[in-house]
C-alpha atoms as a PDB file:
ATOM      1  CA  MET A   1      29.412  -8.036  -4.471  1.00  0.00           C
ATOM      2  CA  GLU A   2      30.192  -4.862  -3.148  1.00  0.00           C
ATOM      3  CA  TYR A   3      28.209  -4.496  -0.124  1.00  0.00           C
ATOM      4  CA  ALA A   4      28.491  -8.120   0.705  1.00  0.00           C
ATOM      5  CA  ALA A   5      31.729  -8.007   3.477  1.00  0.00           C
ATOM      6  CA  PRO A   6      29.952  -4.824   5.156  1.00  0.00           C
ATOM      7  CA  ILE A   7      26.815  -6.389   5.571  1.00  0.00           C
ATOM      8  CA  LEU A   8      27.982  -9.841   7.135  1.00  0.00           C
ATOM      9  CA  VAL A   9      30.674  -7.637   9.623  1.00  0.00           C
ATOM     10  CA  GLN A  10      27.455  -5.525  10.238  1.00  0.00           C
ATOM     11  CA  VAL A  11      25.293  -8.489  11.413  1.00  0.00           C
ATOM     12  CA  GLY A  12      28.302  -9.647  13.349  1.00  0.00           C
ATOM     13  CA  ILE A  13      28.095  -6.698  15.446  1.00  0.00           C
ATOM     14  CA  MET A  14      24.704  -6.595  15.839  1.00  0.00           C
ATOM     15  CA  PHE A  15      24.663 -10.333  17.189  1.00  0.00           C
ATOM     16  CA  LEU A  16      27.348  -9.724  19.694  1.00  0.00           C
ATOM     17  CA  LEU A  17      25.274  -6.748  20.720  1.00  0.00           C
ATOM     18  CA  MET A  18      22.368  -8.611  20.924  1.00  0.00           C
ATOM     19  CA  LEU A  19      24.280 -11.787  22.882  1.00  0.00           C
ATOM     20  CA  ILE A  20      25.269  -8.974  25.277  1.00  0.00           C
ATOM     21  CA  GLY A  21      21.992  -8.187  25.893  1.00  0.00           C
ATOM     22  CA  TYR A  22      20.261 -11.683  26.179  1.00  0.00           C
ATOM     23  CA  GLY A  23      23.647 -12.209  28.558  1.00  0.00           C
ATOM     24  CA  LEU A  24      22.633  -8.800  30.343  1.00  0.00           C
ATOM     25  CA  PHE A  25      18.791  -9.985  30.634  1.00  0.00           C
ATOM     26  CA  LYS A  26      19.033 -13.761  32.066  1.00  0.00           C
ATOM     27  CA  ILE A  27      21.815 -12.419  34.543  1.00  0.00           C
ATOM     28  CA  LYS A  28      19.084  -9.993  35.898  1.00  0.00           C
ATOM     29  CA  LYS A  29      20.522  -6.694  35.027  1.00  0.00           C
ATOM     30  CA  ILE A  30      18.304  -5.836  32.170  1.00  0.00           C
ATOM     31  CA  THR A  31      14.847  -6.611  33.632  1.00  0.00           C
ATOM     32  CA  PRO A  32      11.615  -6.861  31.707  1.00  0.00           C
ATOM     33  CA  GLU A  33      10.496  -3.191  33.172  1.00  0.00           C
ATOM     34  CA  GLY A  34      13.709  -1.880  32.385  1.00  0.00           C
ATOM     35  CA  ARG A  35      13.438  -3.421  28.731  1.00  0.00           C
ATOM     36  CA  LYS A  36      10.171  -1.571  28.387  1.00  0.00           C
ATOM     37  CA  GLN A  37      11.810   1.965  29.099  1.00  0.00           C
ATOM     38  CA  LEU A  38      14.648   0.955  26.748  1.00  0.00           C
ATOM     39  CA  SER A  39      12.508   0.253  24.265  1.00  0.00           C
ATOM     40  CA  GLU A  40      10.253   3.567  24.895  1.00  0.00           C
ATOM     41  CA  LEU A  41      13.231   5.347  25.134  1.00  0.00           C
ATOM     42  CA  VAL A  42      14.694   4.359  21.703  1.00  0.00           C
ATOM     43  CA  LEU A  43      11.207   4.353  19.999  1.00  0.00           C
ATOM     44  CA  THR A  44      10.234   8.194  21.462  1.00  0.00           C
ATOM     45  CA  ILE A  45      13.395  10.052  21.258  1.00  0.00           C
ATOM     46  CA  VAL A  46      16.416   8.208  20.127  1.00  0.00           C
ATOM     47  CA  CYS A  47      15.520   6.082  16.741  1.00  0.00           C
ATOM     48  CA  PRO A  48      13.675  10.086  16.031  1.00  0.00           C
ATOM     49  CA  ALA A  49      17.058  11.835  16.830  1.00  0.00           C
ATOM     50  CA  LEU A  50      18.850   9.785  14.289  1.00  0.00           C
ATOM     51  CA  ILE A  51      16.175  10.463  11.739  1.00  0.00           C
ATOM     52  CA  LEU A  52      16.265  13.953  12.067  1.00  0.00           C
ATOM     53  CA  MET A  53      20.089  14.177  11.682  1.00  0.00           C
ATOM     54  CA  VAL A  54      20.431  12.107   8.840  1.00  0.00           C
ATOM     55  CA  TYR A  55      17.984  15.136   6.960  1.00  0.00           C
ATOM     56  CA  GLN A  56      20.612  17.181   8.129  1.00  0.00           C
ATOM     57  CA  THR A  57      22.564  16.864   5.372  1.00  0.00           C
ATOM     58  CA  GLU A  58      23.311  18.340   1.821  1.00  0.00           C
ATOM     59  CA  HIS A  59      20.606  19.157  -0.568  1.00  0.00           C
ATOM     60  CA  LYS A  60      21.202  17.196  -3.598  1.00  0.00           C
ATOM     61  CA  PRO A  61      19.825  15.854  -6.748  1.00  0.00           C
ATOM     62  CA  GLU A  62      20.476  12.749  -6.663  1.00  0.00           C
ATOM     63  CA  TYR A  63      19.151  11.664  -3.056  1.00  0.00           C
ATOM     64  CA  THR A  64      16.430  13.897  -3.424  1.00  0.00           C
ATOM     65  CA  THR A  65      15.232  11.360  -6.508  1.00  0.00           C
ATOM     66  CA  GLY A  66      16.448   8.558  -4.453  1.00  0.00           C
ATOM     67  CA  LEU A  67      14.533   9.137  -1.097  1.00  0.00           C
ATOM     68  CA  ILE A  68      11.210   9.529  -3.788  1.00  0.00           C
ATOM     69  CA  TRP A  69      12.382   6.031  -5.449  1.00  0.00           C
ATOM     70  CA  ALA A  70      12.333   4.545  -1.484  1.00  0.00           C
ATOM     71  CA  PHE A  71       8.935   5.634  -0.873  1.00  0.00           C
ATOM     72  CA  VAL A  72       7.461   4.163  -4.332  1.00  0.00           C
ATOM     73  CA  LEU A  73      10.065   0.857  -3.563  1.00  0.00           C
ATOM     74  CA  SER A  74       8.759   0.791   0.482  1.00  0.00           C
ATOM     75  CA  ALA A  75       4.575   1.320  -1.122  1.00  0.00           C
ATOM     76  CA  VAL A  76       5.260  -1.724  -3.249  1.00  0.00           C
ATOM     77  CA  SER A  77       7.128  -3.618  -0.871  1.00  0.00           C
ATOM     78  CA  MET A  78       4.551  -3.271   1.966  1.00  0.00           C
ATOM     79  CA  ALA A  79       1.167  -3.433  -0.203  1.00  0.00           C
ATOM     80  CA  ALA A  80       3.456  -7.265  -1.695  1.00  0.00           C
ATOM     81  CA  GLY A  81       3.988  -8.240   2.579  1.00  0.00           C
ATOM     82  CA  ILE A  82       0.300  -7.541   2.917  1.00  0.00           C
ATOM     83  CA  ILE A  83      -1.436  -9.110   0.150  1.00  0.00           C
ATOM     84  CA  PHE A  84       1.186 -12.076   0.494  1.00  0.00           C
ATOM     85  CA  SER A  85      -0.022 -12.868   3.868  1.00  0.00           C
ATOM     86  CA  LYS A  86      -3.124 -13.106   3.775  1.00  0.00           C
ATOM     87  CA  SER A  87      -3.052 -15.180   0.520  1.00  0.00           C
ATOM     88  CA  VAL A  88      -0.976 -17.930   2.084  1.00  0.00           C
ATOM     89  CA  ILE A  89      -2.027 -17.940   5.437  1.00  0.00           C
ATOM     90  CA  SER A  90      -5.555 -18.574   5.793  1.00  0.00           C
ATOM     91  CA  LYS A  91      -7.490 -18.870   8.673  1.00  0.00           C
ATOM     92  CA  LYS A  92      -7.605 -22.629   9.105  1.00  0.00           C
ATOM     93  CA  PHE A  93      -4.323 -21.810  11.459  1.00  0.00           C
ATOM     94  CA  ALA A  94      -4.736 -21.164  15.470  1.00  0.00           C
ATOM     95  CA  ASP A  95      -2.761 -17.835  15.351  1.00  0.00           C
ATOM     96  CA  TYR A  96      -3.665 -17.201  11.539  1.00  0.00           C
ATOM     97  CA  THR A  97      -4.529 -12.966  12.670  1.00  0.00           C
ATOM     98  CA  ILE A  98      -0.695 -12.984  14.151  1.00  0.00           C
ATOM     99  CA  ASP A  99       0.691 -14.915  11.415  1.00  0.00           C
ATOM    100  CA  ARG A 100      -0.176 -12.603   9.251  1.00  0.00           C
ATOM    101  CA  PHE A 101       1.116 -10.011  11.489  1.00  0.00           C
ATOM    102  CA  SER A 102       4.455 -11.248  11.545  1.00  0.00           C
ATOM    103  CA  VAL A 103       4.970 -11.534   7.644  1.00  0.00           C
ATOM    104  CA  ALA A 104       3.627  -8.428   7.083  1.00  0.00           C
ATOM    105  CA  TYR A 105       5.435  -6.476   9.205  1.00  0.00           C
ATOM    106  CA  SER A 106       9.201  -6.269   9.654  1.00  0.00           C
ATOM    107  CA  ASN A 107      11.577  -4.770  12.643  1.00  0.00           C
ATOM    108  CA  CYS A 108      12.980  -1.771  10.154  1.00  0.00           C
ATOM    109  CA  ALA A 109      13.429   0.624  13.194  1.00  0.00           C
ATOM    110  CA  PHE A 110      14.991  -1.424  15.615  1.00  0.00           C
ATOM    111  CA  ILE A 111      16.911  -3.864  13.033  1.00  0.00           C
ATOM    112  CA  GLY A 112      16.597  -2.411  10.000  1.00  0.00           C
ATOM    113  CA  ILE A 113      18.160   1.283  10.771  1.00  0.00           C
ATOM    114  CA  PRO A 114      21.510  -0.398  13.103  1.00  0.00           C
ATOM    115  CA  LEU A 115      22.598  -2.819  10.138  1.00  0.00           C
ATOM    116  CA  ILE A 116      21.911   0.306   7.366  1.00  0.00           C
ATOM    117  CA  ASN A 117      23.592   2.854   8.977  1.00  0.00           C
ATOM    118  CA  GLY A 118      26.486   0.472   9.680  1.00  0.00           C
ATOM    119  CA  VAL A 119      26.546  -0.285   5.851  1.00  0.00           C
ATOM    120  CA  PHE A 120      25.307   2.322   3.982  1.00  0.00           C
ATOM    121  CA  GLY A 121      25.294   5.270   6.410  1.00  0.00           C
ATOM    122  CA  GLU A 122      23.443   8.484   6.729  1.00  0.00           C
ATOM    123  CA  GLU A 123      22.817   8.042   2.898  1.00  0.00           C
ATOM    124  CA  GLY A 124      21.526   4.893   3.574  1.00  0.00           C
ATOM    125  CA  VAL A 125      19.404   6.041   6.916  1.00  0.00           C
ATOM    126  CA  LEU A 126      17.740   8.617   4.242  1.00  0.00           C
ATOM    127  CA  TYR A 127      15.670   5.907   2.503  1.00  0.00           C
ATOM    128  CA  VAL A 128      15.063   3.929   5.172  1.00  0.00           C
ATOM    129  CA  THR A 129      13.007   6.489   6.585  1.00  0.00           C
ATOM    130  CA  ALA A 130      10.749   5.839   3.670  1.00  0.00           C
ATOM    131  CA  TYR A 131      10.229   2.522   4.785  1.00  0.00           C
ATOM    132  CA  ILE A 132       9.691   3.704   8.627  1.00  0.00           C
ATOM    133  CA  THR A 133       7.402   6.565   7.613  1.00  0.00           C
ATOM    134  CA  LEU A 134       4.890   3.795   5.282  1.00  0.00           C
ATOM    135  CA  PHE A 135       5.423   1.178   8.239  1.00  0.00           C
ATOM    136  CA  ASN A 136       3.933   3.835  11.342  1.00  0.00           C
ATOM    137  CA  LEU A 137       1.178   4.808   8.560  1.00  0.00           C
ATOM    138  CA  LEU A 138       0.110   1.234   8.077  1.00  0.00           C
ATOM    139  CA  VAL A 139       0.612  -0.648  11.740  1.00  0.00           C
ATOM    140  CA  TRP A 140      -1.342   1.723  13.563  1.00  0.00           C
ATOM    141  CA  SER A 141      -4.013   1.872  11.088  1.00  0.00           C
ATOM    142  CA  HIS A 142      -4.472  -1.728   8.723  1.00  0.00           C
ATOM    143  CA  GLY A 143      -2.434  -3.710  12.118  1.00  0.00           C
ATOM    144  CA  VAL A 144      -4.294  -2.415  14.683  1.00  0.00           C
ATOM    145  CA  MET A 145      -7.643  -3.384  12.408  1.00  0.00           C
ATOM    146  CA  MET A 146      -5.853  -6.993  11.622  1.00  0.00           C
ATOM    147  CA  MET A 147      -5.241  -7.388  15.462  1.00  0.00           C
ATOM    148  CA  LYS A 148      -8.471  -6.218  16.547  1.00  0.00           C
ATOM    149  CA  ASN A 149     -10.650  -7.771  13.586  1.00  0.00           C
ATOM    150  CA  GLU A 150     -12.742  -4.941  13.196  1.00  0.00           C
ATOM    151  CA  LEU A 151     -12.790  -1.654  10.828  1.00  0.00           C
ATOM    152  CA  SER A 152     -11.518   1.834  12.191  1.00  0.00           C
ATOM    153  CA  LEU A 153      -8.599   4.531  11.326  1.00  0.00           C
ATOM    154  CA  SER A 154      -8.347   5.766  14.634  1.00  0.00           C
ATOM    155  CA  GLY A 155      -5.243   4.247  14.929  1.00  0.00           C
ATOM    156  CA  LEU A 156      -3.699   6.657  11.835  1.00  0.00           C
ATOM    157  CA  VAL A 157      -4.039   9.661  14.064  1.00  0.00           C
ATOM    158  CA  LYS A 158      -2.027   8.740  16.130  1.00  0.00           C
ATOM    159  CA  ALA A 159       0.306   7.655  13.949  1.00  0.00           C
ATOM    160  CA  LEU A 160       0.492  10.901  12.808  1.00  0.00           C
ATOM    161  CA  ARG A 161       1.499  11.927  16.349  1.00  0.00           C
ATOM    162  CA  SER A 162       4.337   9.460  16.397  1.00  0.00           C
ATOM    163  CA  PRO A 163       7.573  10.717  17.516  1.00  0.00           C
ATOM    164  CA  THR A 164       9.064   8.678  14.259  1.00  0.00           C
ATOM    165  CA  ILE A 165       7.300  10.274  11.950  1.00  0.00           C
ATOM    166  CA  ILE A 166       7.633  13.848  13.240  1.00  0.00           C
ATOM    167  CA  ALA A 167      10.757  13.546  12.772  1.00  0.00           C
ATOM    168  CA  VAL A 168      10.666  12.339   9.311  1.00  0.00           C
ATOM    169  CA  PHE A 169       8.282  15.254   8.178  1.00  0.00           C
ATOM    170  CA  ILE A 170      10.566  17.847  10.442  1.00  0.00           C
ATOM    171  CA  GLY A 171      13.671  16.416   8.452  1.00  0.00           C
ATOM    172  CA  ILE A 172      12.488  16.812   5.648  1.00  0.00           C
ATOM    173  CA  ILE A 173      11.167  19.926   5.306  1.00  0.00           C
ATOM    174  CA  THR A 174      14.913  21.424   6.838  1.00  0.00           C
ATOM    175  CA  TYR A 175      16.040  19.183   3.965  1.00  0.00           C
ATOM    176  CA  ILE A 176      14.197  21.081   1.153  1.00  0.00           C
ATOM    177  CA  ALA A 177      14.547  24.393   2.793  1.00  0.00           C
ATOM    178  CA  GLN A 178      18.654  23.590   3.543  1.00  0.00           C
ATOM    179  CA  ILE A 179      17.642  24.677   6.895  1.00  0.00           C
ATOM    180  CA  ARG A 180      20.286  23.697   9.667  1.00  0.00           C
ATOM    181  CA  ILE A 181      20.911  22.837  13.545  1.00  0.00           C
ATOM    182  CA  PRO A 182      23.091  25.359  15.165  1.00  0.00           C
ATOM    183  CA  LYS A 183      26.124  23.225  15.953  1.00  0.00           C
ATOM    184  CA  ILE A 184      26.276  22.808  20.001  1.00  0.00           C
ATOM    185  CA  PRO A 185      22.381  21.554  19.769  1.00  0.00           C
ATOM    186  CA  ALA A 186      22.904  19.287  16.577  1.00  0.00           C
ATOM    187  CA  GLU A 187      26.252  17.844  18.093  1.00  0.00           C
ATOM    188  CA  ALA A 188      23.901  17.088  21.453  1.00  0.00           C
ATOM    189  CA  ILE A 189      21.662  15.383  19.116  1.00  0.00           C
ATOM    190  CA  ASN A 190      23.797  13.353  17.149  1.00  0.00           C
ATOM    191  CA  TYR A 191      25.314  11.759  20.806  1.00  0.00           C
ATOM    192  CA  ILE A 192      21.642  10.561  21.287  1.00  0.00           C
ATOM    193  CA  ALA A 193      21.333   9.243  18.113  1.00  0.00           C
ATOM    194  CA  SER A 194      24.531   6.774  17.931  1.00  0.00           C
ATOM    195  CA  LEU A 195      23.013   5.267  20.885  1.00  0.00           C
ATOM    196  CA  ASN A 196      20.775   3.519  17.949  1.00  0.00           C
ATOM    197  CA  THR A 197      22.502   0.597  17.361  1.00  0.00           C
ATOM    198  CA  PRO A 198      23.782  -0.593  20.819  1.00  0.00           C
ATOM    199  CA  LEU A 199      20.584  -0.200  22.660  1.00  0.00           C
ATOM    200  CA  ALA A 200      17.875  -1.782  19.972  1.00  0.00           C
ATOM    201  CA  MET A 201      20.413  -5.015  19.748  1.00  0.00           C
ATOM    202  CA  LEU A 202      20.723  -4.770  23.745  1.00  0.00           C
ATOM    203  CA  ILE A 203      16.563  -4.830  23.675  1.00  0.00           C
ATOM    204  CA  ALA A 204      16.610  -7.900  21.367  1.00  0.00           C
ATOM    205  CA  GLY A 205      18.951  -9.395  23.092  1.00  0.00           C
ATOM    206  CA  ALA A 206      16.592  -9.125  26.225  1.00  0.00           C
ATOM    207  CA  THR A 207      13.750  -9.520  24.260  1.00  0.00           C
ATOM    208  CA  MET A 208      15.086 -13.126  23.146  1.00  0.00           C
ATOM    209  CA  ALA A 209      15.553 -14.181  26.370  1.00  0.00           C
ATOM    210  CA  GLU A 210      12.741 -13.185  27.916  1.00  0.00           C
ATOM    211  CA  SER A 211      11.213 -15.964  25.239  1.00  0.00           C
ATOM    212  CA  ASN A 212      11.020 -19.562  24.922  1.00  0.00           C
ATOM    213  CA  LEU A 213      12.876 -20.139  21.669  1.00  0.00           C
ATOM    214  CA  ALA A 214      13.715 -23.458  22.776  1.00  0.00           C
ATOM    215  CA  GLY A 215       9.937 -24.132  22.384  1.00  0.00           C
ATOM    216  CA  ALA A 216       9.679 -21.845  19.027  1.00  0.00           C
ATOM    217  CA  ILE A 217      11.879 -24.198  16.984  1.00  0.00           C
ATOM    218  CA  ARG A 218       9.866 -26.662  18.140  1.00  0.00           C
ATOM    219  CA  LYS A 219       6.455 -25.669  16.250  1.00  0.00           C
ATOM    220  CA  PRO A 220       5.508 -26.041  12.701  1.00  0.00           C
ATOM    221  CA  SER A 221       3.530 -22.576  12.424  1.00  0.00           C
ATOM    222  CA  VAL A 222       6.453 -20.817  13.986  1.00  0.00           C
ATOM    223  CA  LEU A 223       9.174 -22.226  11.811  1.00  0.00           C
ATOM    224  CA  PHE A 224       6.118 -21.314   8.254  1.00  0.00           C
ATOM    225  CA  SER A 225       6.021 -18.409   9.195  1.00  0.00           C
ATOM    226  CA  CYS A 226       9.926 -17.115   9.942  1.00  0.00           C
ATOM    227  CA  PHE A 227      10.446 -19.023   6.707  1.00  0.00           C
ATOM    228  CA  LEU A 228       7.410 -16.840   4.608  1.00  0.00           C
ATOM    229  CA  LYS A 229       9.195 -13.662   6.343  1.00  0.00           C
ATOM    230  CA  LEU A 230      12.345 -13.984   6.010  1.00  0.00           C
ATOM    231  CA  LEU A 231      12.313 -15.819   2.770  1.00  0.00           C
ATOM    232  CA  ALA A 232       9.555 -16.194   0.720  1.00  0.00           C
ATOM    233  CA  LEU A 233       8.768 -12.498   1.174  1.00  0.00           C
ATOM    234  CA  PRO A 234      12.040 -10.665   0.217  1.00  0.00           C
ATOM    235  CA  VAL A 235      12.457 -12.955  -2.671  1.00  0.00           C
ATOM    236  CA  LEU A 236       8.446 -12.047  -4.206  1.00  0.00           C
ATOM    237  CA  VAL A 237       9.538  -8.383  -3.924  1.00  0.00           C
ATOM    238  CA  MET A 238      12.817  -8.760  -5.638  1.00  0.00           C
ATOM    239  CA  LEU A 239      11.380  -9.985  -8.549  1.00  0.00           C
ATOM    240  CA  ILE A 240       8.761  -7.866  -8.114  1.00  0.00           C
ATOM    241  CA  PHE A 241      11.486  -4.880  -7.770  1.00  0.00           C
ATOM    242  CA  LYS A 242      12.426  -6.170 -11.511  1.00  0.00           C
ATOM    243  CA  LEU A 243       9.851  -4.380 -13.571  1.00  0.00           C
ATOM    244  CA  PHE A 244      11.006  -0.971 -11.835  1.00  0.00           C
ATOM    245  CA  PRO A 245      13.931   0.758 -13.304  1.00  0.00           C
ATOM    246  CA  VAL A 246      15.513   1.384 -10.015  1.00  0.00           C
ATOM    247  CA  PRO A 247      18.623   3.946 -10.211  1.00  0.00           C
ATOM    248  CA  SER A 248      20.439   3.520  -7.373  1.00  0.00           C
ATOM    249  CA  SER A 249      22.090   0.344  -5.912  1.00  0.00           C
ATOM    250  CA  THR A 250      21.769   1.184  -2.424  1.00  0.00           C
ATOM    251  CA  VAL A 251      18.263   2.342  -2.340  1.00  0.00           C
ATOM    252  CA  TYR A 252      17.403  -1.065  -3.415  1.00  0.00           C
ATOM    253  CA  THR A 253      19.387  -2.435  -1.376  1.00  0.00           C
ATOM    254  CA  THR A 254      18.234  -0.571   1.256  1.00  0.00           C
ATOM    255  CA  ILE A 255      14.587  -1.471   0.793  1.00  0.00           C
ATOM    256  CA  ILE A 256      15.369  -5.238   0.442  1.00  0.00           C
ATOM    257  CA  ILE A 257      17.189  -5.344   3.766  1.00  0.00           C
ATOM    258  CA  ALA A 258      14.063  -3.678   5.156  1.00  0.00           C
ATOM    259  CA  THR A 259      11.755  -5.756   3.521  1.00  0.00           C
ATOM    260  CA  ALA A 260      14.122  -8.865   5.314  1.00  0.00           C
ATOM    261  CA  CYS A 261      14.162  -7.891   8.604  1.00  0.00           C
ATOM    262  CA  PRO A 262      12.517 -10.017  11.122  1.00  0.00           C
ATOM    263  CA  THR A 263       9.223  -9.768  12.195  1.00  0.00           C
ATOM    264  CA  ALA A 264       8.149  -6.293  13.577  1.00  0.00           C
ATOM    265  CA  THR A 265       8.624  -5.687  18.120  1.00  0.00           C
ATOM    266  CA  ILE A 266       5.379  -3.879  18.476  1.00  0.00           C
ATOM    267  CA  GLY A 267       3.436  -7.565  17.092  1.00  0.00           C
ATOM    268  CA  THR A 268       4.104  -8.916  21.079  1.00  0.00           C
ATOM    269  CA  LEU A 269       2.888  -5.400  21.874  1.00  0.00           C
ATOM    270  CA  PHE A 270      -0.448  -5.667  20.178  1.00  0.00           C
ATOM    271  CA  ALA A 271      -0.936  -9.322  21.122  1.00  0.00           C
ATOM    272  CA  LEU A 272      -1.133  -8.022  24.555  1.00  0.00           C
ATOM    273  CA  ARG A 273      -3.491  -5.252  24.751  1.00  0.00           C
ATOM    274  CA  TYR A 274      -6.091  -6.717  22.191  1.00  0.00           C
ATOM    275  CA  GLY A 275      -6.043 -10.689  23.720  1.00  0.00           C
ATOM    276  CA  LYS A 276      -4.049 -12.492  21.123  1.00  0.00           C
ATOM    277  CA  ASN A 277      -2.224 -15.275  21.710  1.00  0.00           C
ATOM    278  CA  ALA A 278       1.254 -13.094  23.074  1.00  0.00           C
ATOM    279  CA  VAL A 279       3.567 -16.019  24.192  1.00  0.00           C
ATOM    280  CA  TYR A 280       3.257 -17.016  20.622  1.00  0.00           C
ATOM    281  CA  ALA A 281       3.792 -13.474  18.759  1.00  0.00           C
ATOM    282  CA  SER A 282       6.670 -13.633  21.179  1.00  0.00           C
ATOM    283  CA  GLU A 283       7.962 -16.517  20.019  1.00  0.00           C
ATOM    284  CA  VAL A 284       8.058 -15.709  16.355  1.00  0.00           C
ATOM    285  CA  PHE A 285       9.856 -12.900  16.824  1.00  0.00           C
ATOM    286  CA  ALA A 286      12.404 -14.101  19.104  1.00  0.00           C
ATOM    287  CA  LEU A 287      12.915 -17.176  16.275  1.00  0.00           C
ATOM    288  CA  SER A 288      12.947 -15.100  13.080  1.00  0.00           C
ATOM    289  CA  THR A 289      14.826 -12.664  14.932  1.00  0.00           C
ATOM    290  CA  LEU A 290      17.709 -15.659  15.545  1.00  0.00           C
ATOM    291  CA  LEU A 291      17.443 -16.669  12.030  1.00  0.00           C
ATOM    292  CA  SER A 292      18.075 -13.230  10.352  1.00  0.00           C
ATOM    293  CA  GLY A 293      21.219 -13.770  11.040  1.00  0.00           C
ATOM    294  CA  ILE A 294      21.739 -16.224   8.637  1.00  0.00           C
ATOM    295  CA  THR A 295      19.006 -14.695   6.376  1.00  0.00           C
ATOM    296  CA  ILE A 296      19.498 -10.863   5.642  1.00  0.00           C
ATOM    297  CA  PRO A 297      23.158 -11.717   4.310  1.00  0.00           C
ATOM    298  CA  VAL A 298      21.798 -14.642   2.094  1.00  0.00           C
ATOM    299  CA  ILE A 299      18.731 -12.351   0.639  1.00  0.00           C
ATOM    300  CA  VAL A 300      21.565  -9.512   0.187  1.00  0.00           C
ATOM    301  CA  LEU A 301      23.532 -11.768  -1.646  1.00  0.00           C
ATOM    302  CA  LEU A 302      20.917 -13.082  -4.108  1.00  0.00           C
ATOM    303  CA  SER A 303      19.545  -9.735  -4.663  1.00  0.00           C
ATOM    304  CA  MET A 304      23.041  -8.501  -5.862  1.00  0.00           C
ATOM    305  CA  TYR A 305      23.550 -11.368  -7.974  1.00  0.00           C
ATOM    306  CA  MET A 306      20.014 -10.644  -9.512  1.00  0.00           C
ATOM    307  CA  TYR A 307      20.718  -7.549 -10.383  1.00  0.00           C
ATOM    308  CA  GLY A 308      24.497  -7.391 -10.916  1.00  0.00           C
ATOM    309  CA  ILE A 309      25.532  -5.135  -8.418  1.00  0.00           C
END
């Protein structure tokens, strides 16, 4: 149970930051347009900077092995999410496309990175880049096809050009070749990377303030999607992981946390773009984000108990 206290502390810090973001939006210090601009800043500049810098670490065999395992477990987790969401959520649901998307794809960048960075530091962020890489590749291919209800792989090309994926590829090359960024630019990039947690949480809080939480709580379908995303899927993934001889508790816990994160922010953006129920998508996002403050520690504690960590 060595990670229990740090995770609870980090969740508390993150939700305090989210509360500040919520308040700033309510008093109009963060506007809807400002929230979108901050979101773009985090996704295209801050998050890639953080990912790039975590690869600026000493080459260690255990890190390389851990990263390989992280890719394997991430692939298993995401495949489980896609299959599970399609199996459990039928087309009888009014917004079944959004429900399936919300269960399959998690907010691994905005919520996962700050939480994992706070608990495990750079090693944990190194491993979660595997999950984020697969997330971006899948969300822009399978995710887009799901939302559009048509077969198209054009989004995969866009995913490969995203700043996050480019940062991962460059980072892996610099890690393997042990290429070091010079001190002055490295420090500048580190300053940018340090903005990830506060900005991501302020954005999450502002997004919740923009959503109708009171209305979301009264909708059984929203509650059901949150249950599947925050509890049922992580427990299923935990049970599947028991089939694998994972050598590192840090790798294992990192991917469990990424899986247990609330639904992805991009689901609302896709709903807007492809003519789905964007209000409903934002309600699932907001309520799952709020409830994750309780469910993530529960899932992590359960996983530690199951694996004797």
